[in-house]
């Protein structure tokens, strides 16, 4: 699928960012915000966006901070990748586009952004689709060791804690990101054209700083942006998600095994359906676009409710 499938590339000032985003579908359609992860970009939704637009949705697919053409407005703004910053970006974009309520859908970083925004501002979220279930980061418990098999999968996170890892990401950003694609989705046979469509997004001058900060902050090893401190204090309480939710795991996920969602039920107080997808790794929207789109469409009728 080409970039044209994502619709028109637009820009808007939203909070601390000049956000680049693709938009498709009717302007008065049911608003859907599709949020990509690391190390991916908007092309993850090239197969999803046209399916939703064809059903009458207003589909918005932004480049996250540090990716693609999205830029910080002020050079002095901390290049934070913390979850509170990602959530605030979601709210700022909804405000900038004058969208009162939307279905929020995401995976990886985009799943964290969607879950955090849904928990913090449920009045702005009609429904949530989250891959890997509840994605708010429990930073207070981050130093508790995981099972050895899981620690092994997180090697890249430990790599990013040191300056060697920062230098490695800066020098080898495309090779490293491509390796993660292969490791995290071992059954997904993406071609070079698919990879080359996304790779330029990692050339953003803020990419390395945002990524490194994200993986250091979630372990409590660096401070966050002071402007996000109040939101982070609310997220530290691990707030419940009360909006109707559909969550997924991929049976072939190479970084977040499906069994990891078994203990997430208590975080969802609203209606929730959880599904495990055989043959799908970590990048669900690109590996199973029809399933992802159909799940979003299950949630869009909720936008008509008061």
Foldseek 3Di string as FASTA:
>chain_A
DAPVLQADWDWFDFPQKGKTKHWAADLPFAEEEEEEAPPWAQLLQSLQRNVQNVVRYTYIYIGFQLWDPMDGPDPPAQLAQALLVLLSRVVRVCVRSVQQAHAQEYAHSSLSNQLLNLQVCVRRYQEYEYEPARDLFQQVCLPPDDPPLLVVLCVLLVLLQDPNSLVCCVVCVLVVRVVLVCQFQVLDDDDPVSSVNTSVGNVRPSNSSHVSNHSCVSNVNDDGGPVSVVSVVVSNVVGAREHEYEYEYECRGRNRHPVSCPPVVVSYPHHYHYYYHYSGGRSCCNRPVVVSNVVSVVRSVSSPPD
